[in-house]
Amino acid sequence: MAAGLAADAFVHWRFAPDMAPGPNAPSGAIGGDVLFRAEAVAAALAGLLVLAWARRWTYALAFLVATSAVGALLLYYYVDFGQLGPIPRMYDPAWSADKTISLVGEGVATLAALVGFFTVRKPGLRDDPHRAADSVLVNGRA
């Protein structure tokens, strides 16, 4: 999963300068370069958090970052919304190897984060049978 988020971060950081608003960009709009850099930072941070702390919340964060990237890539490939409030027109119907790398990385990260979210265990419960028994009794299950 971290590798998928790293691929996502790399591609977005690499193409951020190409997404900078042109001279005729409407005022008040967020630049595409800012959005691409924000995605790169979010993907890198989510990947590092999962590597450092494999917890449900880090997997949930990684899932949200990766899923939003997949959704945005596919949405802006197929649909031309124009400008949406402060978000610039991001429609790009051309496909490239970099989009494929990004989509595969984001897709793998999405699935891995989902699996991680549902399979991660609380740390220490397996190692200490007394804590595991206390946890079961506290949760109301015998």
Protein backbone atom coordinates (compact mmCIF):
# COMPACT_ATOMS: atom_id res chain seq x y z
CA MET A 1 0.00 0.00 0.00
CA ALA A 2 2.77 2.43 0.88
CA ALA A 3 4.35 1.76 -2.51
CA GLY A 4 1.07 2.60 -4.25
CA LEU A 5 0.78 5.84 -2.31
CA ALA A 6 4.43 6.59 -3.11
CA ALA A 7 3.72 6.17 -6.84
CA ASP A 8 0.72 8.47 -6.48
CA ALA A 9 2.81 11.06 -4.62
CA PHE A 10 5.64 10.88 -7.15
CA VAL A 11 3.43 11.35 -10.21
CA HIS A 12 1.45 14.21 -8.65
CA TRP A 13 4.57 16.03 -7.45
CA ARG A 14 6.23 15.58 -10.83
CA PHE A 15 3.29 17.04 -12.76
CA ALA A 16 2.36 19.82 -10.34
CA PRO A 17 4.33 22.50 -12.25
CA ASP A 18 2.49 21.57 -15.47
CA MET A 19 -0.83 22.24 -13.75
CA ALA A 20 -0.03 25.85 -12.76
CA PRO A 21 -2.71 28.32 -13.82
CA GLY A 22 -2.10 30.25 -16.99
CA PRO A 23 -2.22 34.02 -17.37
CA ASN A 24 -5.94 33.93 -18.24
CA ALA A 25 -6.93 31.92 -15.14
CA PRO A 26 -9.88 33.32 -13.22
CA SER A 27 -9.03 35.09 -9.98
CA GLY A 28 -9.84 33.30 -6.75
CA ALA A 29 -9.29 29.87 -8.25
CA ILE A 30 -7.02 27.34 -6.59
CA GLY A 31 -4.21 26.46 -8.95
CA GLY A 32 -4.01 22.95 -10.31
CA ASP A 33 -0.37 22.93 -9.19
CA VAL A 34 -1.49 23.52 -5.60
CA LEU A 35 -4.02 20.67 -5.84
CA PHE A 36 -1.42 18.31 -7.29
CA ARG A 37 1.13 19.18 -4.60
CA ALA A 38 -1.50 18.76 -1.89
CA GLU A 39 -2.34 15.30 -3.24
CA ALA A 40 1.34 14.38 -3.36
CA VAL A 41 1.88 15.45 0.24
CA ALA A 42 -1.32 13.73 1.43
CA ALA A 43 -0.35 10.47 -0.31
CA ALA A 44 3.20 10.54 1.05
CA LEU A 45 2.00 11.35 4.56
CA ALA A 46 -0.68 8.62 4.51
CA GLY A 47 1.88 6.07 3.32
CA LEU A 48 4.34 7.04 6.05
CA LEU A 49 1.64 6.94 8.73
CA VAL A 50 0.61 3.43 7.75
CA LEU A 51 4.23 2.30 7.80
CA ALA A 52 4.82 3.88 11.22
CA TRP A 53 1.47 3.00 12.85
CA ALA A 54 -0.61 0.26 11.27
CA ARG A 55 -3.87 1.27 12.94
CA ARG A 56 -7.45 1.45 11.72
CA TRP A 57 -7.34 5.24 11.55
CA THR A 58 -4.18 5.25 9.42
CA TYR A 59 -5.67 2.67 7.05
CA ALA A 60 -8.87 4.76 6.88
CA LEU A 61 -6.82 7.86 6.04
CA ALA A 62 -4.86 5.98 3.37
CA PHE A 63 -8.14 4.67 1.93
CA LEU A 64 -9.62 8.18 1.72
CA VAL A 65 -6.50 9.63 0.09
CA ALA A 66 -6.13 6.81 -2.46
CA THR A 67 -9.85 6.59 -3.27
CA SER A 68 -10.18 10.33 -3.77
CA ALA A 69 -7.22 10.24 -6.17
CA VAL A 70 -8.70 7.35 -8.18
CA GLY A 71 -12.05 9.12 -8.30
CA ALA A 72 -10.58 12.43 -9.39
CA LEU A 73 -8.39 10.85 -12.07
CA LEU A 74 -11.27 8.90 -13.62
CA LEU A 75 -13.81 11.69 -13.22
CA TYR A 76 -11.62 14.29 -14.90
CA TYR A 77 -10.67 11.85 -17.63
CA TYR A 78 -14.30 11.19 -18.61
CA VAL A 79 -16.19 14.36 -17.62
CA ASP A 80 -15.56 18.03 -18.37
CA PHE A 81 -17.17 19.95 -15.52
CA GLY A 82 -15.41 23.18 -16.28
CA GLN A 83 -14.45 25.18 -13.22
CA LEU A 84 -16.21 24.13 -9.99
CA GLY A 85 -16.07 27.09 -7.62
CA PRO A 86 -12.43 27.64 -6.71
CA ILE A 87 -11.36 24.32 -8.29
CA PRO A 88 -10.01 24.93 -11.79
CA ARG A 89 -11.04 23.06 -14.91
CA MET A 90 -9.04 19.83 -14.66
CA TYR A 91 -10.50 17.88 -17.60
CA ASP A 92 -7.81 15.89 -19.38
CA PRO A 93 -9.02 13.23 -21.85
CA ALA A 94 -5.48 12.23 -22.86
CA TRP A 95 -4.08 9.03 -21.35
CA SER A 96 -0.41 8.50 -20.57
CA ALA A 97 1.91 6.01 -18.92
CA ASP A 98 2.11 8.32 -15.90
CA LYS A 99 -1.66 8.22 -15.49
CA THR A 100 -1.49 4.44 -15.64
CA ILE A 101 1.21 4.37 -12.96
CA SER A 102 -0.81 6.72 -10.80
CA LEU A 103 -4.07 4.80 -11.30
CA VAL A 104 -2.47 1.41 -10.55
CA GLY A 105 -0.72 2.79 -7.46
CA GLU A 106 -3.87 4.46 -6.19
CA GLY A 107 -5.97 1.37 -6.92
CA VAL A 108 -3.57 -0.97 -5.13
CA ALA A 109 -3.39 1.44 -2.19
CA THR A 110 -7.20 1.67 -2.03
CA LEU A 111 -7.63 -2.10 -1.89
CA ALA A 112 -4.73 -2.64 0.52
CA ALA A 113 -6.02 0.07 2.85
CA LEU A 114 -9.46 -1.49 2.84
CA VAL A 115 -8.02 -4.91 3.67
CA GLY A 116 -5.80 -3.38 6.35
CA PHE A 117 -8.70 -1.51 7.92
CA PHE A 118 -10.71 -4.70 8.37
CA THR A 119 -7.85 -6.99 9.39
CA VAL A 120 -5.67 -4.89 11.69
CA ARG A 121 -5.71 -5.98 15.32
CA LYS A 122 -5.21 -3.92 18.44
CA PRO A 123 -1.55 -4.11 19.43
CA GLY A 124 -0.65 -6.34 22.33
CA LEU A 125 -3.88 -8.32 22.67
CA ARG A 126 -2.51 -11.41 20.99
CA ASP A 127 0.70 -11.27 23.04
CA ASP A 128 -0.94 -11.01 26.48
CA PRO A 129 -3.75 -13.52 27.09
CA HIS A 130 -4.82 -11.70 30.28
CA ARG A 131 -5.30 -8.41 28.42
CA ALA A 132 -7.16 -10.22 25.67
CA ALA A 133 -9.53 -11.77 28.24
CA ASP A 134 -10.06 -8.37 29.93
CA SER A 135 -10.82 -6.81 26.55
CA VAL A 136 -13.44 -9.43 25.80
CA LEU A 137 -15.11 -8.94 29.19
CA VAL A 138 -15.05 -5.14 28.88
CA ASN A 139 -16.70 -5.31 25.48
CA GLY A 140 -19.52 -7.39 26.96
CA ARG A 141 -18.69 -10.63 25.22
CA ALA A 142 -17.92 -13.78 27.16
